[in-house]
Structures are given as C-alpha cells and as structure tokens.
Amino acid sequence: MAYRRYGGKGDWYIYWETSPAKSKEDKRLAVWHVDHRAFEPNFSYREIKDMLGANDFGRVPGYSTRETDNLRQAFQEFVADVDAEYGQRAS
C-alpha cells in the first residue's frame, strides 16, 4: 500500500513493503525521497513508532522540518494499518 507517491508537488514515495514478516514488529515501511531514493531506506514498525514518539524524523534521508507533518501523517497511517491487520487499536 502506498501512502505517498512521487508526482506534482510530491517528493516522497512511501509504501508498506510486501516482504514476508513473521510478526508485527517485522513490518517495513519504505520512505524514499526523490533525491535520496538510491538509498532505498526502509524502517521497521518499531522504528516508525519510535520516530513518531520522539517526533524526530531526522534519520529519514531527504527529511527537512517542512516535511514533518507529511511524514507524521504517513507514518501514523502505516501504524494504524499494521495495528488493524493484527487486530489492535493504534497506540
């Protein structure tokens, strides 16, 4: 599932990777900035939750403070979707 796609004003391609995961904690979110996509950065469910909890997205290549709300929203959507898949409410 894609949460953001390149195009227009969008500099991000953010999607839930479909690689096999044995547990909720193994779920991965790819977070690619148009200028840094060669790094193919992806983060685990736990890493995404940690970034949300700290309100710190600095480890995402291409991040700038003007992108905080955009990334926070996409990350929250991912967490909610993973939680829903495992029958839990988002925390």
PDB file of N, CA and C in Angstrom:
ATOM      1  N   MET A   1       0.838  -1.164   0.000  1.00  0.00           N
ATOM      2  CA  MET A   1       0.000   0.000   0.000  1.00  0.00           C
ATOM      3  C   MET A   1       0.888   1.233   0.000  1.00  0.00           C
ATOM      4  N   ALA A   2       0.575   2.186  -0.863  1.00  0.00           N
ATOM      5  CA  ALA A   2       1.347   3.425  -0.932  1.00  0.00           C
ATOM      6  C   ALA A   2       0.648   4.513  -0.126  1.00  0.00           C
ATOM      7  N   TYR A   3       1.420   5.214   0.680  1.00  0.00           N
ATOM      8  CA  TYR A   3       0.906   6.322   1.477  1.00  0.00           C
ATOM      9  C   TYR A   3       1.221   7.661   0.822  1.00  0.00           C
ATOM     10  N   ARG A   4       2.273   7.708   0.047  1.00  0.00           N
ATOM     11  CA  ARG A   4       2.648   8.886  -0.730  1.00  0.00           C
ATOM     12  C   ARG A   4       3.276   8.388  -2.031  1.00  0.00           C
ATOM     13  N   ARG A   5       3.088   9.167  -3.109  1.00  0.00           N
ATOM     14  CA  ARG A   5       3.688   8.817  -4.405  1.00  0.00           C
ATOM     15  C   ARG A   5       4.349  10.051  -5.001  1.00  0.00           C
ATOM     16  N   TYR A   6       5.417   9.824  -5.748  1.00  0.00           N
ATOM     17  CA  TYR A   6       6.059  10.915  -6.465  1.00  0.00           C
ATOM     18  C   TYR A   6       5.066  11.542  -7.440  1.00  0.00           C
ATOM     19  N   GLY A   7       5.275  12.806  -7.733  1.00  0.00           N
ATOM     20  CA  GLY A   7       4.468  13.463  -8.749  1.00  0.00           C
ATOM     21  C   GLY A   7       3.899  14.778  -8.256  1.00  0.00           C
ATOM     22  N   GLY A   8       3.697  15.700  -9.190  1.00  0.00           N
ATOM     23  CA  GLY A   8       3.170  17.011  -8.815  1.00  0.00           C
ATOM     24  C   GLY A   8       4.069  17.664  -7.799  1.00  0.00           C
ATOM     25  N   LYS A   9       3.536  17.898  -6.628  1.00  0.00           N
ATOM     26  CA  LYS A   9       4.315  18.501  -5.545  1.00  0.00           C
ATOM     27  C   LYS A   9       4.911  17.446  -4.622  1.00  0.00           C
ATOM     28  N   GLY A  10       4.697  16.183  -4.941  1.00  0.00           N
ATOM     29  CA  GLY A  10       5.151  15.120  -4.061  1.00  0.00           C
ATOM     30  C   GLY A  10       6.583  14.697  -4.302  1.00  0.00           C
ATOM     31  N   ASP A  11       7.409  14.840  -3.289  1.00  0.00           N
ATOM     32  CA  ASP A  11       8.816  14.427  -3.352  1.00  0.00           C
ATOM     33  C   ASP A  11       9.050  13.090  -2.671  1.00  0.00           C
ATOM     34  N   TRP A  12       7.981  12.434  -2.221  1.00  0.00           N
ATOM     35  CA  TRP A  12       8.114  11.213  -1.439  1.00  0.00           C
ATOM     36  C   TRP A  12       7.373  10.057  -2.085  1.00  0.00           C
ATOM     37  N   TYR A  13       7.965   8.893  -1.957  1.00  0.00           N
ATOM     38  CA  TYR A  13       7.281   7.638  -2.276  1.00  0.00           C
ATOM     39  C   TYR A  13       7.375   6.821  -0.995  1.00  0.00           C
ATOM     40  N   ILE A  14       6.262   6.664  -0.324  1.00  0.00           N
ATOM     41  CA  ILE A  14       6.220   5.980   0.970  1.00  0.00           C
ATOM     42  C   ILE A  14       5.233   4.836   0.844  1.00  0.00           C
ATOM     43  N   TYR A  15       5.727   3.623   1.066  1.00  0.00           N
ATOM     44  CA  TYR A  15       4.844   2.471   0.896  1.00  0.00           C
ATOM     45  C   TYR A  15       5.198   1.355   1.870  1.00  0.00           C
ATOM     46  N   TRP A  16       4.178   0.556   2.160  1.00  0.00           N
ATOM     47  CA  TRP A  16       4.314  -0.603   3.021  1.00  0.00           C
ATOM     48  C   TRP A  16       4.904  -1.711   2.173  1.00  0.00           C
ATOM     49  N   GLU A  17       6.084  -2.164   2.539  1.00  0.00           N
ATOM     50  CA  GLU A  17       6.743  -3.235   1.785  1.00  0.00           C
ATOM     51  C   GLU A  17       6.001  -4.554   1.973  1.00  0.00           C
ATOM     52  N   THR A  18       6.009  -5.349   0.937  1.00  0.00           N
ATOM     53  CA  THR A  18       5.265  -6.609   0.977  1.00  0.00           C
ATOM     54  C   THR A  18       6.125  -7.808   1.333  1.00  0.00           C
ATOM     55  N   SER A  19       7.349  -7.562   1.776  1.00  0.00           N
ATOM     56  CA  SER A  19       8.215  -8.675   2.140  1.00  0.00           C
ATOM     57  C   SER A  19       7.584  -9.478   3.278  1.00  0.00           C
ATOM     58  N   PRO A  20       7.850 -10.781   3.311  1.00  0.00           N
ATOM     59  CA  PRO A  20       7.252 -11.606   4.360  1.00  0.00           C
ATOM     60  C   PRO A  20       7.713 -11.157   5.752  1.00  0.00           C
ATOM     61  N   ALA A  21       6.778 -11.075   6.639  1.00  0.00           N
ATOM     62  CA  ALA A  21       7.087 -10.687   8.015  1.00  0.00           C
ATOM     63  C   ALA A  21       6.472 -11.723   8.949  1.00  0.00           C
ATOM     64  N   LYS A  22       7.245 -12.132   9.925  1.00  0.00           N
ATOM     65  CA  LYS A  22       6.771 -13.142  10.877  1.00  0.00           C
ATOM     66  C   LYS A  22       5.955 -12.521  12.000  1.00  0.00           C
ATOM     67  N   SER A  23       6.153 -11.230  12.230  1.00  0.00           N
ATOM     68  CA  SER A  23       5.438 -10.578  13.324  1.00  0.00           C
ATOM     69  C   SER A  23       5.159  -9.128  12.959  1.00  0.00           C
ATOM     70  N   LYS A  24       4.356  -8.510  13.756  1.00  0.00           N
ATOM     71  CA  LYS A  24       4.028  -7.093  13.591  1.00  0.00           C
ATOM     72  C   LYS A  24       5.299  -6.249  13.562  1.00  0.00           C
ATOM     73  N   GLU A  25       6.226  -6.572  14.428  1.00  0.00           N
ATOM     74  CA  GLU A  25       7.471  -5.810  14.529  1.00  0.00           C
ATOM     75  C   GLU A  25       8.334  -5.914  13.265  1.00  0.00           C
ATOM     76  N   ASP A  26       8.094  -6.927  12.458  1.00  0.00           N
ATOM     77  CA  ASP A  26       8.872  -7.134  11.231  1.00  0.00           C
ATOM     78  C   ASP A  26       8.322  -6.364  10.032  1.00  0.00           C
ATOM     79  N   LYS A  27       7.156  -5.748  10.159  1.00  0.00           N
ATOM     80  CA  LYS A  27       6.583  -4.991   9.049  1.00  0.00           C
ATOM     81  C   LYS A  27       7.502  -3.828   8.715  1.00  0.00           C
ATOM     82  N   ARG A  28       7.626  -3.508   7.415  1.00  0.00           N
ATOM     83  CA  ARG A  28       8.570  -2.492   6.952  1.00  0.00           C
ATOM     84  C   ARG A  28       7.864  -1.418   6.140  1.00  0.00           C
ATOM     85  N   LEU A  29       8.316  -0.180   6.319  1.00  0.00           N
ATOM     86  CA  LEU A  29       7.814   0.947   5.553  1.00  0.00           C
ATOM     87  C   LEU A  29       8.977   1.559   4.782  1.00  0.00           C
ATOM     88  N   ALA A  30       8.861   1.584   3.454  1.00  0.00           N
ATOM     89  CA  ALA A  30       9.861   2.241   2.610  1.00  0.00           C
ATOM     90  C   ALA A  30       9.542   3.731   2.593  1.00  0.00           C
ATOM     91  N   VAL A  31      10.569   4.551   2.776  1.00  0.00           N
ATOM     92  CA  VAL A  31      10.393   6.004   2.839  1.00  0.00           C
ATOM     93  C   VAL A  31      11.438   6.637   1.933  1.00  0.00           C
ATOM     94  N   TRP A  32      11.063   6.834   0.685  1.00  0.00           N
ATOM     95  CA  TRP A  32      12.016   7.311  -0.318  1.00  0.00           C
ATOM     96  C   TRP A  32      11.743   8.754  -0.701  1.00  0.00           C
ATOM     97  N   HIS A  33      12.744   9.583  -0.583  1.00  0.00           N
ATOM     98  CA  HIS A  33      12.690  10.959  -1.076  1.00  0.00           C
ATOM     99  C   HIS A  33      13.232  10.951  -2.503  1.00  0.00           C
ATOM    100  N   VAL A  34      12.659  11.782  -3.356  1.00  0.00           N
ATOM    101  CA  VAL A  34      13.028  11.793  -4.774  1.00  0.00           C
ATOM    102  C   VAL A  34      14.544  11.983  -4.975  1.00  0.00           C
ATOM    103  N   ASP A  35      15.190  12.745  -4.118  1.00  0.00           N
ATOM    104  CA  ASP A  35      16.628  12.998  -4.255  1.00  0.00           C
ATOM    105  C   ASP A  35      17.497  11.959  -3.543  1.00  0.00           C
ATOM    106  N   HIS A  36      16.888  11.051  -2.784  1.00  0.00           N
ATOM    107  CA  HIS A  36      17.649  10.081  -1.989  1.00  0.00           C
ATOM    108  C   HIS A  36      17.156   8.656  -2.183  1.00  0.00           C
ATOM    109  N   ARG A  37      16.409   8.404  -3.226  1.00  0.00           N
ATOM    110  CA  ARG A  37      15.802   7.084  -3.408  1.00  0.00           C
ATOM    111  C   ARG A  37      16.824   5.987  -3.654  1.00  0.00           C
ATOM    112  N   ALA A  38      18.009   6.338  -4.119  1.00  0.00           N
ATOM    113  CA  ALA A  38      19.031   5.325  -4.367  1.00  0.00           C
ATOM    114  C   ALA A  38      19.396   4.571  -3.092  1.00  0.00           C
ATOM    115  N   PHE A  39      19.187   5.203  -1.941  1.00  0.00           N
ATOM    116  CA  PHE A  39      19.481   4.548  -0.662  1.00  0.00           C
ATOM    117  C   PHE A  39      18.418   3.513  -0.308  1.00  0.00           C
ATOM    118  N   GLU A  40      17.238   3.612  -0.932  1.00  0.00           N
ATOM    119  CA  GLU A  40      16.116   2.716  -0.663  1.00  0.00           C
ATOM    120  C   GLU A  40      15.889   2.528   0.835  1.00  0.00           C
ATOM    121  N   PRO A  41      15.783   3.625   1.577  1.00  0.00           N
ATOM    122  CA  PRO A  41      15.606   3.481   3.029  1.00  0.00           C
ATOM    123  C   PRO A  41      14.260   2.864   3.380  1.00  0.00           C
ATOM    124  N   ASN A  42      14.299   1.995   4.365  1.00  0.00           N
ATOM    125  CA  ASN A  42      13.065   1.435   4.910  1.00  0.00           C
ATOM    126  C   ASN A  42      13.250   1.250   6.408  1.00  0.00           C
ATOM    127  N   PHE A  43      12.124   1.247   7.099  1.00  0.00           N
ATOM    128  CA  PHE A  43      12.155   1.221   8.554  1.00  0.00           C
ATOM    129  C   PHE A  43      11.151   0.204   9.071  1.00  0.00           C
ATOM    130  N   SER A  44      11.487  -0.405  10.187  1.00  0.00           N
ATOM    131  CA  SER A  44      10.584  -1.370  10.808  1.00  0.00           C
ATOM    132  C   SER A  44       9.429  -0.642  11.503  1.00  0.00           C
ATOM    133  N   TYR A  45       8.401  -1.400  11.812  1.00  0.00           N
ATOM    134  CA  TYR A  45       7.264  -0.878  12.566  1.00  0.00           C
ATOM    135  C   TYR A  45       7.760  -0.200  13.846  1.00  0.00           C
ATOM    136  N   ARG A  46       8.649  -0.842  14.567  1.00  0.00           N
ATOM    137  CA  ARG A  46       9.171  -0.283  15.823  1.00  0.00           C
ATOM    138  C   ARG A  46       9.919   1.026  15.570  1.00  0.00           C
ATOM    139  N   GLU A  47      10.734   1.088  14.530  1.00  0.00           N
ATOM    140  CA  GLU A  47      11.459   2.321  14.227  1.00  0.00           C
ATOM    141  C   GLU A  47      10.493   3.461  13.886  1.00  0.00           C
ATOM    142  N   ILE A  48       9.444   3.144  13.144  1.00  0.00           N
ATOM    143  CA  ILE A  48       8.442   4.152  12.808  1.00  0.00           C
ATOM    144  C   ILE A  48       7.760   4.645  14.081  1.00  0.00           C
ATOM    145  N   LYS A  49       7.368   3.722  14.969  1.00  0.00           N
ATOM    146  CA  LYS A  49       6.751   4.106  16.240  1.00  0.00           C
ATOM    147  C   LYS A  49       7.702   4.974  17.073  1.00  0.00           C
ATOM    148  N   ASP A  50       8.988   4.631  17.075  1.00  0.00           N
ATOM    149  CA  ASP A  50       9.968   5.410  17.831  1.00  0.00           C
ATOM    150  C   ASP A  50      10.088   6.828  17.279  1.00  0.00           C
ATOM    151  N   MET A  51      10.131   6.961  15.949  1.00  0.00           N
ATOM    152  CA  MET A  51      10.218   8.294  15.345  1.00  0.00           C
ATOM    153  C   MET A  51       8.972   9.113  15.677  1.00  0.00           C
ATOM    154  N   LEU A  52       7.805   8.483  15.613  1.00  0.00           N
ATOM    155  CA  LEU A  52       6.570   9.182  15.963  1.00  0.00           C
ATOM    156  C   LEU A  52       6.580   9.617  17.425  1.00  0.00           C
ATOM    157  N   GLY A  53       6.995   8.724  18.304  1.00  0.00           N
ATOM    158  CA  GLY A  53       7.014   9.031  19.730  1.00  0.00           C
ATOM    159  C   GLY A  53       7.945  10.177  20.076  1.00  0.00           C
ATOM    160  N   ALA A  54       9.070  10.241  19.386  1.00  0.00           N
ATOM    161  CA  ALA A  54      10.053  11.289  19.635  1.00  0.00           C
ATOM    162  C   ALA A  54       9.796  12.535  18.788  1.00  0.00           C
ATOM    163  N   ASN A  55       8.852  12.420  17.846  1.00  0.00           N
ATOM    164  CA  ASN A  55       8.602  13.488  16.872  1.00  0.00           C
ATOM    165  C   ASN A  55       9.914  13.911  16.219  1.00  0.00           C
ATOM    166  N   ASP A  56      10.704  12.920  15.859  1.00  0.00           N
ATOM    167  CA  ASP A  56      12.029  13.141  15.266  1.00  0.00           C
ATOM    168  C   ASP A  56      12.161  12.243  14.041  1.00  0.00           C
ATOM    169  N   PHE A  57      12.210  12.861  12.871  1.00  0.00           N
ATOM    170  CA  PHE A  57      12.284  12.124  11.613  1.00  0.00           C
ATOM    171  C   PHE A  57      13.653  12.317  10.939  1.00  0.00           C
ATOM    172  N   GLY A  58      14.625  12.761  11.703  1.00  0.00           N
ATOM    173  CA  GLY A  58      15.940  13.093  11.185  1.00  0.00           C
ATOM    174  C   GLY A  58      16.696  11.949  10.547  1.00  0.00           C
ATOM    175  N   ARG A  59      16.353  10.719  10.861  1.00  0.00           N
ATOM    176  CA  ARG A  59      17.085   9.596  10.248  1.00  0.00           C
ATOM    177  C   ARG A  59      16.565   9.248   8.854  1.00  0.00           C
ATOM    178  N   VAL A  60      15.523   9.940   8.393  1.00  0.00           N
ATOM    179  CA  VAL A  60      14.958   9.698   7.062  1.00  0.00           C
ATOM    180  C   VAL A  60      15.736  10.525   6.048  1.00  0.00           C
ATOM    181  N   PRO A  61      16.423   9.877   5.091  1.00  0.00           N
ATOM    182  CA  PRO A  61      17.160  10.630   4.072  1.00  0.00           C
ATOM    183  C   PRO A  61      16.226  11.555   3.286  1.00  0.00           C
ATOM    184  N   GLY A  62      16.611  12.827   3.199  1.00  0.00           N
ATOM    185  CA  GLY A  62      15.820  13.819   2.496  1.00  0.00           C
ATOM    186  C   GLY A  62      14.885  14.606   3.389  1.00  0.00           C
ATOM    187  N   TYR A  63      14.825  14.239   4.666  1.00  0.00           N
ATOM    188  CA  TYR A  63      13.924  14.923   5.595  1.00  0.00           C
ATOM    189  C   TYR A  63      14.349  16.367   5.823  1.00  0.00           C
ATOM    190  N   SER A  64      13.373  17.250   5.859  1.00  0.00           N
ATOM    191  CA  SER A  64      13.559  18.616   6.342  1.00  0.00           C
ATOM    192  C   SER A  64      12.355  18.936   7.218  1.00  0.00           C
ATOM    193  N   THR A  65      12.495  19.910   8.087  1.00  0.00           N
ATOM    194  CA  THR A  65      11.430  20.203   9.039  1.00  0.00           C
ATOM    195  C   THR A  65      10.113  20.567   8.357  1.00  0.00           C
ATOM    196  N   ARG A  66      10.152  21.084   7.157  1.00  0.00           N
ATOM    197  CA  ARG A  66       8.898  21.415   6.461  1.00  0.00           C
ATOM    198  C   ARG A  66       8.116  20.158   6.082  1.00  0.00           C
ATOM    199  N   GLU A  67       8.754  18.983   6.165  1.00  0.00           N
ATOM    200  CA  GLU A  67       8.102  17.719   5.836  1.00  0.00           C
ATOM    201  C   GLU A  67       7.559  16.982   7.067  1.00  0.00           C
ATOM    202  N   THR A  68       7.702  17.567   8.237  1.00  0.00           N
ATOM    203  CA  THR A  68       7.314  16.891   9.473  1.00  0.00           C
ATOM    204  C   THR A  68       5.864  16.416   9.439  1.00  0.00           C
ATOM    205  N   ASP A  69       4.934  17.305   9.130  1.00  0.00           N
ATOM    206  CA  ASP A  69       3.519  16.926   9.138  1.00  0.00           C
ATOM    207  C   ASP A  69       3.216  15.849   8.106  1.00  0.00           C
ATOM    208  N   ASN A  70       3.804  15.972   6.933  1.00  0.00           N
ATOM    209  CA  ASN A  70       3.598  14.992   5.867  1.00  0.00           C
ATOM    210  C   ASN A  70       4.078  13.604   6.292  1.00  0.00           C
ATOM    211  N   LEU A  71       5.283  13.532   6.832  1.00  0.00           N
ATOM    212  CA  LEU A  71       5.818  12.237   7.268  1.00  0.00           C
ATOM    213  C   LEU A  71       5.040  11.703   8.462  1.00  0.00           C
ATOM    214  N   ARG A  72       4.714  12.567   9.417  1.00  0.00           N
ATOM    215  CA  ARG A  72       3.965  12.118  10.586  1.00  0.00           C
ATOM    216  C   ARG A  72       2.640  11.481  10.150  1.00  0.00           C
ATOM    217  N   GLN A  73       1.939  12.119   9.240  1.00  0.00           N
ATOM    218  CA  GLN A  73       0.656  11.591   8.792  1.00  0.00           C
ATOM    219  C   GLN A  73       0.821  10.230   8.106  1.00  0.00           C
ATOM    220  N   ALA A  74       1.794  10.118   7.212  1.00  0.00           N
ATOM    221  CA  ALA A  74       2.025   8.840   6.527  1.00  0.00           C
ATOM    222  C   ALA A  74       2.415   7.756   7.524  1.00  0.00           C
ATOM    223  N   PHE A  75       3.269   8.089   8.483  1.00  0.00           N
ATOM    224  CA  PHE A  75       3.712   7.113   9.478  1.00  0.00           C
ATOM    225  C   PHE A  75       2.542   6.671  10.361  1.00  0.00           C
ATOM    226  N   GLN A  76       1.688   7.611  10.740  1.00  0.00           N
ATOM    227  CA  GLN A  76       0.530   7.259  11.556  1.00  0.00           C
ATOM    228  C   GLN A  76      -0.420   6.338  10.797  1.00  0.00           C
ATOM    229  N   GLU A  77      -0.582   6.586   9.509  1.00  0.00           N
ATOM    230  CA  GLU A  77      -1.434   5.722   8.681  1.00  0.00           C
ATOM    231  C   GLU A  77      -0.868   4.302   8.630  1.00  0.00           C
ATOM    232  N   PHE A  78       0.449   4.192   8.458  1.00  0.00           N
ATOM    233  CA  PHE A  78       1.103   2.889   8.425  1.00  0.00           C
ATOM    234  C   PHE A  78       0.897   2.147   9.745  1.00  0.00           C
ATOM    235  N   VAL A  79       1.145   2.821  10.859  1.00  0.00           N
ATOM    236  CA  VAL A  79       0.986   2.194  12.181  1.00  0.00           C
ATOM    237  C   VAL A  79      -0.453   1.734  12.365  1.00  0.00           C
ATOM    238  N   ALA A  80      -1.403   2.571  12.012  1.00  0.00           N
ATOM    239  CA  ALA A  80      -2.817   2.203  12.151  1.00  0.00           C
ATOM    240  C   ALA A  80      -3.154   0.991  11.288  1.00  0.00           C
ATOM    241  N   ASP A  81      -2.625   0.926  10.075  1.00  0.00           N
ATOM    242  CA  ASP A  81      -2.888  -0.204   9.189  1.00  0.00           C
ATOM    243  C   ASP A  81      -2.275  -1.497   9.727  1.00  0.00           C
ATOM    244  N   VAL A  82      -1.051  -1.404  10.230  1.00  0.00           N
ATOM    245  CA  VAL A  82      -0.411  -2.594  10.804  1.00  0.00           C
ATOM    246  C   VAL A  82      -1.187  -3.046  12.038  1.00  0.00           C
ATOM    247  N   ASP A  83      -1.540  -2.098  12.898  1.00  0.00           N
ATOM    248  CA  ASP A  83      -2.307  -2.447  14.091  1.00  0.00           C
ATOM    249  C   ASP A  83      -3.633  -3.101  13.710  1.00  0.00           C
ATOM    250  N   ALA A  84      -4.292  -2.572  12.693  1.00  0.00           N
ATOM    251  CA  ALA A  84      -5.570  -3.135  12.250  1.00  0.00           C
ATOM    252  C   ALA A  84      -5.378  -4.553  11.718  1.00  0.00           C
ATOM    253  N   GLU A  85      -4.282  -4.785  11.016  1.00  0.00           N
ATOM    254  CA  GLU A  85      -4.004  -6.123  10.494  1.00  0.00           C
ATOM    255  C   GLU A  85      -3.850  -7.134  11.637  1.00  0.00           C
ATOM    256  N   TYR A  86      -3.316  -6.674  12.739  1.00  0.00           N
ATOM    257  CA  TYR A  86      -3.100  -7.548  13.888  1.00  0.00           C
ATOM    258  C   TYR A  86      -4.222  -7.438  14.918  1.00  0.00           C
ATOM    259  N   GLY A  87      -5.322  -6.786  14.538  1.00  0.00           N
ATOM    260  CA  GLY A  87      -6.485  -6.707  15.402  1.00  0.00           C
ATOM    261  C   GLY A  87      -6.307  -5.874  16.641  1.00  0.00           C
ATOM    262  N   GLN A  88      -5.474  -4.837  16.534  1.00  0.00           N
ATOM    263  CA  GLN A  88      -5.221  -3.972  17.680  1.00  0.00           C
ATOM    264  C   GLN A  88      -5.501  -2.537  17.307  1.00  0.00           C
ATOM    265  N   ARG A  89      -5.865  -1.768  18.291  1.00  0.00           N
ATOM    266  CA  ARG A  89      -6.052  -0.344  18.071  1.00  0.00           C
ATOM    267  C   ARG A  89      -4.692   0.326  18.007  1.00  0.00           C
ATOM    268  N   ALA A  90      -4.602   1.408  17.197  1.00  0.00           N
ATOM    269  CA  ALA A  90      -3.370   2.176  17.118  1.00  0.00           C
ATOM    270  C   ALA A  90      -3.099   2.823  18.468  1.00  0.00           C
ATOM    271  N   SER A  91      -1.828   2.838  18.836  1.00  0.00           N
ATOM    272  CA  SER A  91      -1.483   3.467  20.128  1.00  0.00           C
ATOM    273  C   SER A  91      -0.671   4.712  19.907  1.00  0.00           C
TER     274      SER A  91
END
